């Protein structure tokens, strides 16, 4: 059975390992690269883990979603979902939807957030469809935003008003 939960800070290595898996398995899906994140120090992972929600099977994370509130005064009413991943063999089981629900609930529980923004690379059709299902709407497209393995990819920017 898959549980949706947070990891404690002392489990930061489980988070790092899943993130590195995500960057390895789906390099086109993320703005960051394996090369940039594999050597990040423990402190970086400890700073990130409070904003991460995980799908956990038998004490091992198999999916994650990470959101962050904008911290500037003029834009602090916006939250960003900046990472989402479900391991390959767990896809198609509704885990992505459960993670998205948990993230939206967490964001709505934060005072003063009025909208959520995220982006998805154009070929990531299942992710785009999931976000659309949750009420995210396209607000623009950044052409040739990512360059991965010799190819350029457009990034679709989506947002949901709360």
Foldseek 3Di string as FASTA:
>chain_A
DKDKAADDLVCLVLVLVLVLVCQVVPVVWAPDHNVVRVPDDSVVSSVFRVQKIFTDDPNHGQWIWGKDADDDPVRRLEMETHDIDGHDVCPPVCPRVVRVVVNVVVSVVDPRHFKYKYKGWVVPVVVVVSVVVVPKDFPDKAWQPDADPRDGIIMTMIMHTD
